[in-house]
PDB file of N, CA and C in Angstrom:
ATOM      1  N   UNK A   1       2.607 151.164  78.128  1.00  0.00           N
ATOM      2  CA  UNK A   1       3.739 150.406  77.660  1.00  0.00           C
ATOM      3  C   UNK A   1       4.872 151.372  77.302  1.00  0.00           C
ATOM      4  N   UNK A   2       6.075 150.962  77.612  1.00  0.00           N
ATOM      5  CA  UNK A   2       7.235 151.799  77.329  1.00  0.00           C
ATOM      6  C   UNK A   2       7.552 151.811  75.848  1.00  0.00           C
ATOM      7  N   UNK A   3       8.021 152.965  75.391  1.00  0.00           N
ATOM      8  CA  UNK A   3       8.520 153.010  74.025  1.00  0.00           C
ATOM      9  C   UNK A   3       9.872 152.321  73.995  1.00  0.00           C
ATOM     10  N   UNK A   4      10.339 152.006  72.807  1.00  0.00           N
ATOM     11  CA  UNK A   4      11.644 151.345  72.681  1.00  0.00           C
ATOM     12  C   UNK A   4      12.743 152.223  73.266  1.00  0.00           C
ATOM     13  N   UNK A   5      12.676 153.529  73.028  1.00  0.00           N
ATOM     14  CA  UNK A   5      13.691 154.458  73.546  1.00  0.00           C
ATOM     15  C   UNK A   5      13.662 154.492  75.077  1.00  0.00           C
ATOM     16  N   UNK A   6      12.475 154.530  75.670  1.00  0.00           N
ATOM     17  CA  UNK A   6      12.375 154.524  77.138  1.00  0.00           C
ATOM     18  C   UNK A   6      12.927 153.226  77.717  1.00  0.00           C
ATOM     19  N   UNK A   7      12.645 152.110  77.060  1.00  0.00           N
ATOM     20  CA  UNK A   7      13.163 150.815  77.518  1.00  0.00           C
ATOM     21  C   UNK A   7      14.687 150.805  77.456  1.00  0.00           C
ATOM     22  N   UNK A   8      15.259 151.318  76.356  1.00  0.00           N
ATOM     23  CA  UNK A   8      16.718 151.393  76.235  1.00  0.00           C
ATOM     24  C   UNK A   8      17.311 152.247  77.350  1.00  0.00           C
ATOM     25  N   UNK A   9      16.670 153.375  77.621  1.00  0.00           N
ATOM     26  CA  UNK A   9      17.180 154.276  78.658  1.00  0.00           C
ATOM     27  C   UNK A   9      17.139 153.614  80.034  1.00  0.00           C
ATOM     28  N   UNK A  10      16.056 152.916  80.337  1.00  0.00           N
ATOM     29  CA  UNK A  10      15.947 152.234  81.631  1.00  0.00           C
ATOM     30  C   UNK A  10      16.956 151.100  81.760  1.00  0.00           C
ATOM     31  N   UNK A  11      17.166 150.366  80.674  1.00  0.00           N
ATOM     32  CA  UNK A  11      18.156 149.285  80.695  1.00  0.00           C
ATOM     33  C   UNK A  11      19.546 149.874  80.909  1.00  0.00           C
ATOM     34  N   UNK A  12      19.839 150.995  80.235  1.00  0.00           N
ATOM     35  CA  UNK A  12      21.152 151.622  80.398  1.00  0.00           C
ATOM     36  C   UNK A  12      21.340 152.109  81.830  1.00  0.00           C
ATOM     37  N   UNK A  13      20.309 152.663  82.437  1.00  0.00           N
ATOM     38  CA  UNK A  13      20.394 153.096  83.833  1.00  0.00           C
ATOM     39  C   UNK A  13      20.686 151.904  84.737  1.00  0.00           C
ATOM     40  N   UNK A  14      20.007 150.786  84.492  1.00  0.00           N
ATOM     41  CA  UNK A  14      20.244 149.576  85.294  1.00  0.00           C
ATOM     42  C   UNK A  14      21.680 149.085  85.127  1.00  0.00           C
ATOM     43  N   UNK A  15      22.189 149.099  83.899  1.00  0.00           N
ATOM     44  CA  UNK A  15      23.569 148.677  83.657  1.00  0.00           C
ATOM     45  C   UNK A  15      24.567 149.628  84.311  1.00  0.00           C
ATOM     46  N   UNK A  16      24.293 150.925  84.242  1.00  0.00           N
ATOM     47  CA  UNK A  16      25.170 151.907  84.895  1.00  0.00           C
ATOM     48  C   UNK A  16      25.185 151.697  86.407  1.00  0.00           C
ATOM     49  N   UNK A  17      24.009 151.439  86.974  1.00  0.00           N
ATOM     50  CA  UNK A  17      23.929 151.190  88.416  1.00  0.00           C
ATOM     51  C   UNK A  17      24.700 149.929  88.801  1.00  0.00           C
ATOM     52  N   UNK A  18      24.607 148.890  87.976  1.00  0.00           N
ATOM     53  CA  UNK A  18      25.330 147.652  88.255  1.00  0.00           C
ATOM     54  C   UNK A  18      26.841 147.886  88.172  1.00  0.00           C
ATOM     55  N   UNK A  19      27.282 148.666  87.188  1.00  0.00           N
ATOM     56  CA  UNK A  19      28.706 149.012  87.082  1.00  0.00           C
ATOM     57  C   UNK A  19      29.180 149.778  88.309  1.00  0.00           C
ATOM     58  N   UNK A  20      28.379 150.702  88.777  1.00  0.00           N
ATOM     59  CA  UNK A  20      28.720 151.476  89.973  1.00  0.00           C
ATOM     60  C   UNK A  20      28.796 150.564  91.198  1.00  0.00           C
ATOM     61  N   UNK A  21      27.880 149.613  91.286  1.00  0.00           N
ATOM     62  CA  UNK A  21      27.900 148.645  92.383  1.00  0.00           C
ATOM     63  C   UNK A  21      29.207 147.853  92.368  1.00  0.00           C
ATOM     64  N   UNK A  22      29.590 147.374  91.189  1.00  0.00           N
ATOM     65  CA  UNK A  22      30.820 146.586  91.076  1.00  0.00           C
ATOM     66  C   UNK A  22      32.024 147.424  91.477  1.00  0.00           C
ATOM     67  N   UNK A  23      32.068 148.679  91.031  1.00  0.00           N
ATOM     68  CA  UNK A  23      33.181 149.562  91.380  1.00  0.00           C
ATOM     69  C   UNK A  23      33.250 149.747  92.897  1.00  0.00           C
ATOM     70  N   UNK A  24      32.114 149.981  93.536  1.00  0.00           N
ATOM     71  CA  UNK A  24      32.073 150.158  94.987  1.00  0.00           C
ATOM     72  C   UNK A  24      32.419 148.866  95.714  1.00  0.00           C
ATOM     73  N   UNK A  25      31.958 147.750  95.195  1.00  0.00           N
ATOM     74  CA  UNK A  25      32.247 146.441  95.794  1.00  0.00           C
ATOM     75  C   UNK A  25      33.748 146.162  95.744  1.00  0.00           C
ATOM     76  N   UNK A  26      34.382 146.479  94.627  1.00  0.00           N
ATOM     77  CA  UNK A  26      35.819 146.277  94.494  1.00  0.00           C
ATOM     78  C   UNK A  26      36.597 147.186  95.438  1.00  0.00           C
ATOM     79  N   UNK A  27      36.156 148.420  95.599  1.00  0.00           N
ATOM     80  CA  UNK A  27      36.801 149.349  96.529  1.00  0.00           C
ATOM     81  C   UNK A  27      36.663 148.833  97.960  1.00  0.00           C
ATOM     82  N   UNK A  28      35.471 148.359  98.296  1.00  0.00           N
ATOM     83  CA  UNK A  28      35.245 147.793  99.630  1.00  0.00           C
ATOM     84  C   UNK A  28      36.153 146.585  99.869  1.00  0.00           C
ATOM     85  N   UNK A  29      36.277 145.747  98.859  1.00  0.00           N
ATOM     86  CA  UNK A  29      37.085 144.532  98.993  1.00  0.00           C
ATOM     87  C   UNK A  29      38.556 144.854  99.224  1.00  0.00           C
ATOM     88  N   UNK A  30      39.032 145.958  98.655  1.00  0.00           N
ATOM     89  CA  UNK A  30      40.424 146.352  98.843  1.00  0.00           C
ATOM     90  C   UNK A  30      40.715 146.729 100.301  1.00  0.00           C
ATOM     91  N   UNK A  31      39.707 147.261 100.984  1.00  0.00           N
ATOM     92  CA  UNK A  31      39.881 147.712 102.361  1.00  0.00           C
ATOM     93  C   UNK A  31      39.321 146.717 103.375  1.00  0.00           C
ATOM     94  N   UNK A  32      39.008 145.545 102.924  1.00  0.00           N
ATOM     95  CA  UNK A  32      38.302 144.533 103.701  1.00  0.00           C
ATOM     96  C   UNK A  32      39.300 143.665 104.461  1.00  0.00           C
ATOM     97  N   UNK A  33      39.122 143.540 105.770  1.00  0.00           N
ATOM     98  CA  UNK A  33      40.008 142.704 106.576  1.00  0.00           C
ATOM     99  C   UNK A  33      39.211 141.493 107.050  1.00  0.00           C
ATOM    100  N   UNK A  34      39.232 140.452 106.246  1.00  0.00           N
ATOM    101  CA  UNK A  34      38.438 139.246 106.497  1.00  0.00           C
ATOM    102  C   UNK A  34      38.791 138.603 107.838  1.00  0.00           C
ATOM    103  N   UNK A  35      40.093 138.512 108.131  1.00  0.00           N
ATOM    104  CA  UNK A  35      40.519 137.870 109.377  1.00  0.00           C
ATOM    105  C   UNK A  35      39.994 138.615 110.599  1.00  0.00           C
ATOM    106  N   UNK A  36      40.050 139.938 110.548  1.00  0.00           N
ATOM    107  CA  UNK A  36      39.566 140.745 111.684  1.00  0.00           C
ATOM    108  C   UNK A  36      38.058 140.568 111.872  1.00  0.00           C
ATOM    109  N   UNK A  37      37.326 140.540 110.784  1.00  0.00           N
ATOM    110  CA  UNK A  37      35.875 140.354 110.871  1.00  0.00           C
ATOM    111  C   UNK A  37      35.551 138.980 111.436  1.00  0.00           C
ATOM    112  N   UNK A  38      36.258 137.949 110.961  1.00  0.00           N
ATOM    113  CA  UNK A  38      36.025 136.597 111.477  1.00  0.00           C
ATOM    114  C   UNK A  38      36.325 136.523 112.972  1.00  0.00           C
ATOM    115  N   UNK A  39      37.405 137.158 113.404  1.00  0.00           N
ATOM    116  CA  UNK A  39      37.756 137.154 114.824  1.00  0.00           C
ATOM    117  C   UNK A  39      36.673 137.847 115.661  1.00  0.00           C
ATOM    118  N   UNK A  40      36.194 138.973 115.198  1.00  0.00           N
ATOM    119  CA  UNK A  40      35.117 139.680 115.916  1.00  0.00           C
ATOM    120  C   UNK A  40      33.855 138.814 115.998  1.00  0.00           C
ATOM    121  N   UNK A  41      33.511 138.144 114.904  1.00  0.00           N
ATOM    122  CA  UNK A  41      32.328 137.279 114.911  1.00  0.00           C
ATOM    123  C   UNK A  41      32.515 136.092 115.851  1.00  0.00           C
ATOM    124  N   UNK A  42      33.727 135.515 115.871  1.00  0.00           N
ATOM    125  CA  UNK A  42      34.004 134.405 116.788  1.00  0.00           C
ATOM    126  C   UNK A  42      33.874 134.855 118.248  1.00  0.00           C
ATOM    127  N   UNK A  43      34.465 136.006 118.560  1.00  0.00           N
ATOM    128  CA  UNK A  43      34.395 136.524 119.927  1.00  0.00           C
ATOM    129  C   UNK A  43      32.948 136.816 120.325  1.00  0.00           C
ATOM    130  N   UNK A  44      32.202 137.379 119.400  1.00  0.00           N
ATOM    131  CA  UNK A  44      30.786 137.664 119.668  1.00  0.00           C
ATOM    132  C   UNK A  44      30.027 136.368 119.921  1.00  0.00           C
ATOM    133  N   UNK A  45      30.291 135.343 119.065  1.00  0.00           N
ATOM    134  CA  UNK A  45      29.629 134.058 119.221  1.00  0.00           C
ATOM    135  C   UNK A  45      29.959 133.407 120.556  1.00  0.00           C
ATOM    136  N   UNK A  46      31.224 133.475 120.954  1.00  0.00           N
ATOM    137  CA  UNK A  46      31.627 132.909 122.244  1.00  0.00           C
ATOM    138  C   UNK A  46      30.953 133.656 123.398  1.00  0.00           C
ATOM    139  N   UNK A  47      30.932 134.960 123.321  1.00  0.00           N
ATOM    140  CA  UNK A  47      30.322 135.773 124.372  1.00  0.00           C
ATOM    141  C   UNK A  47      28.836 135.470 124.516  1.00  0.00           C
ATOM    142  N   UNK A  48      28.158 135.293 123.400  1.00  0.00           N
ATOM    143  CA  UNK A  48      26.709 135.039 123.420  1.00  0.00           C
ATOM    144  C   UNK A  48      26.385 133.555 123.532  1.00  0.00           C
ATOM    145  N   UNK A  49      27.406 132.713 123.525  1.00  0.00           N
ATOM    146  CA  UNK A  49      27.174 131.277 123.609  1.00  0.00           C
ATOM    147  C   UNK A  49      26.547 130.704 122.353  1.00  0.00           C
ATOM    148  N   UNK A  50      26.883 131.285 121.212  1.00  0.00           N
ATOM    149  CA  UNK A  50      26.316 130.835 119.937  1.00  0.00           C
ATOM    150  C   UNK A  50      27.260 129.863 119.249  1.00  0.00           C
ATOM    151  N   UNK A  51      26.684 128.883 118.612  1.00  0.00           N
ATOM    152  CA  UNK A  51      27.452 127.997 117.754  1.00  0.00           C
ATOM    153  C   UNK A  51      27.166 128.446 116.331  1.00  0.00           C
ATOM    154  N   UNK A  52      28.188 128.944 115.659  1.00  0.00           N
ATOM    155  CA  UNK A  52      27.937 129.494 114.326  1.00  0.00           C
ATOM    156  C   UNK A  52      29.071 129.156 113.376  1.00  0.00           C
ATOM    157  N   UNK A  53      28.727 129.099 112.121  1.00  0.00           N
ATOM    158  CA  UNK A  53      29.699 128.939 111.046  1.00  0.00           C
ATOM    159  C   UNK A  53      29.718 130.235 110.256  1.00  0.00           C
ATOM    160  N   UNK A  54      30.881 130.572 109.754  1.00  0.00           N
ATOM    161  CA  UNK A  54      31.020 131.785 108.954  1.00  0.00           C
ATOM    162  C   UNK A  54      31.238 131.374 107.505  1.00  0.00           C
ATOM    163  N   UNK A  55      30.406 131.891 106.628  1.00  0.00           N
ATOM    164  CA  UNK A  55      30.520 131.612 105.203  1.00  0.00           C
ATOM    165  C   UNK A  55      30.702 132.933 104.472  1.00  0.00           C
ATOM    166  N   UNK A  56      31.633 132.975 103.572  1.00  0.00           N
ATOM    167  CA  UNK A  56      31.864 134.176 102.775  1.00  0.00           C
ATOM    168  C   UNK A  56      31.353 133.928 101.371  1.00  0.00           C
ATOM    169  N   UNK A  57      30.605 134.882 100.860  1.00  0.00           N
ATOM    170  CA  UNK A  57      30.108 134.811  99.491  1.00  0.00           C
ATOM    171  C   UNK A  57      30.836 135.845  98.666  1.00  0.00           C
ATOM    172  N   UNK A  58      31.170 135.486  97.455  1.00  0.00           N
ATOM    173  CA  UNK A  58      31.811 136.447  96.573  1.00  0.00           C
ATOM    174  C   UNK A  58      30.739 137.352  95.993  1.00  0.00           C
ATOM    175  N   UNK A  59      31.088 138.615  95.840  1.00  0.00           N
ATOM    176  CA  UNK A  59      30.167 139.566  95.236  1.00  0.00           C
ATOM    177  C   UNK A  59      30.092 139.365  93.738  1.00  0.00           C
ATOM    178  N   UNK A  60      29.371 140.197  93.108  1.00  0.00           N
ATOM    179  CA  UNK A  60      29.208 140.144  91.664  1.00  0.00           C
ATOM    180  C   UNK A  60      30.526 140.526  91.009  1.00  0.00           C
ATOM    181  N   UNK A  61      31.143 139.592  90.329  1.00  0.00           N
ATOM    182  CA  UNK A  61      32.426 139.864  89.681  1.00  0.00           C
ATOM    183  C   UNK A  61      32.191 140.556  88.346  1.00  0.00           C
ATOM    184  N   UNK A  62      33.251 141.149  87.836  1.00  0.00           N
ATOM    185  CA  UNK A  62      33.147 141.812  86.544  1.00  0.00           C
ATOM    186  C   UNK A  62      32.800 140.806  85.446  1.00  0.00           C
ATOM    187  N   UNK A  63      33.365 139.590  85.530  1.00  0.00           N
ATOM    188  CA  UNK A  63      33.042 138.555  84.546  1.00  0.00           C
ATOM    189  C   UNK A  63      31.565 138.171  84.607  1.00  0.00           C
ATOM    190  N   UNK A  64      31.046 138.044  85.840  1.00  0.00           N
ATOM    191  CA  UNK A  64      29.621 137.722  85.999  1.00  0.00           C
ATOM    192  C   UNK A  64      28.756 138.828  85.424  1.00  0.00           C
ATOM    193  N   UNK A  65      29.165 140.069  85.673  1.00  0.00           N
ATOM    194  CA  UNK A  65      28.403 141.203  85.163  1.00  0.00           C
ATOM    195  C   UNK A  65      28.436 141.218  83.632  1.00  0.00           C
ATOM    196  N   UNK A  66      29.620 141.003  83.059  1.00  0.00           N
ATOM    197  CA  UNK A  66      29.728 141.001  81.602  1.00  0.00           C
ATOM    198  C   UNK A  66      28.891 139.884  80.989  1.00  0.00           C
ATOM    199  N   UNK A  67      28.846 138.753  81.659  1.00  0.00           N
ATOM    200  CA  UNK A  67      28.014 137.647  81.196  1.00  0.00           C
ATOM    201  C   UNK A  67      26.536 138.044  81.242  1.00  0.00           C
ATOM    202  N   UNK A  68      26.160 138.731  82.330  1.00  0.00           N
ATOM    203  CA  UNK A  68      24.785 139.210  82.468  1.00  0.00           C
ATOM    204  C   UNK A  68      24.433 140.181  81.342  1.00  0.00           C
ATOM    205  N   UNK A  69      25.346 141.109  81.056  1.00  0.00           N
ATOM    206  CA  UNK A  69      25.104 142.091  79.997  1.00  0.00           C
ATOM    207  C   UNK A  69      24.954 141.390  78.644  1.00  0.00           C
ATOM    208  N   UNK A  70      25.821 140.431  78.371  1.00  0.00           N
ATOM    209  CA  UNK A  70      25.735 139.689  77.106  1.00  0.00           C
ATOM    210  C   UNK A  70      24.399 138.969  76.990  1.00  0.00           C
ATOM    211  N   UNK A  71      23.972 138.372  78.091  1.00  0.00           N
ATOM    212  CA  UNK A  71      22.697 137.668  78.112  1.00  0.00           C
ATOM    213  C   UNK A  71      21.546 138.637  77.863  1.00  0.00           C
ATOM    214  N   UNK A  72      21.616 139.784  78.508  1.00  0.00           N
ATOM    215  CA  UNK A  72      20.575 140.796  78.352  1.00  0.00           C
ATOM    216  C   UNK A  72      20.540 141.303  76.917  1.00  0.00           C
ATOM    217  N   UNK A  73      21.719 141.578  76.370  1.00  0.00           N
ATOM    218  CA  UNK A  73      21.782 142.073  74.995  1.00  0.00           C
ATOM    219  C   UNK A  73      21.243 141.052  74.001  1.00  0.00           C
ATOM    220  N   UNK A  74      21.579 139.784  74.217  1.00  0.00           N
ATOM    221  CA  UNK A  74      21.085 138.771  73.288  1.00  0.00           C
ATOM    222  C   UNK A  74      19.576 138.590  73.413  1.00  0.00           C
ATOM    223  N   UNK A  75      19.047 138.827  74.638  1.00  0.00           N
ATOM    224  CA  UNK A  75      17.601 138.711  74.837  1.00  0.00           C
ATOM    225  C   UNK A  75      16.847 139.797  74.076  1.00  0.00           C
ATOM    226  N   UNK A  76      17.461 140.997  73.996  1.00  0.00           N
ATOM    227  CA  UNK A  76      16.802 142.113  73.335  1.00  0.00           C
ATOM    228  C   UNK A  76      17.286 142.281  71.901  1.00  0.00           C
ATOM    229  N   UNK A  77      18.216 141.464  71.490  1.00  0.00           N
ATOM    230  CA  UNK A  77      18.722 141.546  70.125  1.00  0.00           C
ATOM    231  C   UNK A  77      19.391 142.879  69.855  1.00  0.00           C
ATOM    232  N   UNK A  78      19.229 143.365  68.683  1.00  0.00           N
ATOM    233  CA  UNK A  78      19.894 144.589  68.280  1.00  0.00           C
ATOM    234  C   UNK A  78      19.209 145.847  68.805  1.00  0.00           C
ATOM    235  N   UNK A  79      18.093 145.704  69.532  1.00  0.00           N
ATOM    236  CA  UNK A  79      17.369 146.889  70.001  1.00  0.00           C
ATOM    237  C   UNK A  79      18.167 147.684  71.030  1.00  0.00           C
ATOM    238  N   UNK A  80      19.220 147.079  71.643  1.00  0.00           N
ATOM    239  CA  UNK A  80      20.049 147.799  72.605  1.00  0.00           C
ATOM    240  C   UNK A  80      21.179 148.556  71.926  1.00  0.00           C
ATOM    241  N   UNK A  81      21.444 148.245  70.673  1.00  0.00           N
ATOM    242  CA  UNK A  81      22.526 148.916  69.975  1.00  0.00           C
ATOM    243  C   UNK A  81      22.094 150.312  69.563  1.00  0.00           C
ATOM    244  N   UNK A  82      22.994 151.235  69.689  1.00  0.00           N
ATOM    245  CA  UNK A  82      22.672 152.642  69.340  1.00  0.00           C
ATOM    246  C   UNK A  82      22.698 152.856  67.858  1.00  0.00           C
TER     247      UNK A  82
END
């Protein structure tokens, strides 16, 4: 079983990784050309004779992440506080 300190460290690593993911996702979104991707997918579908729909999903937003962190903190109570 993990000690309380080890659990805190692992949770912090997970939160840091999630923050890094959000930062990378936002950078990707800035350079993202949705129209060009949709056009390429349409052309590919026509070439292959596929009938397809394109659906875009939003990535993990900062608000969603903050909500997740709040939920996690409330689940562990004050044990996450330094």
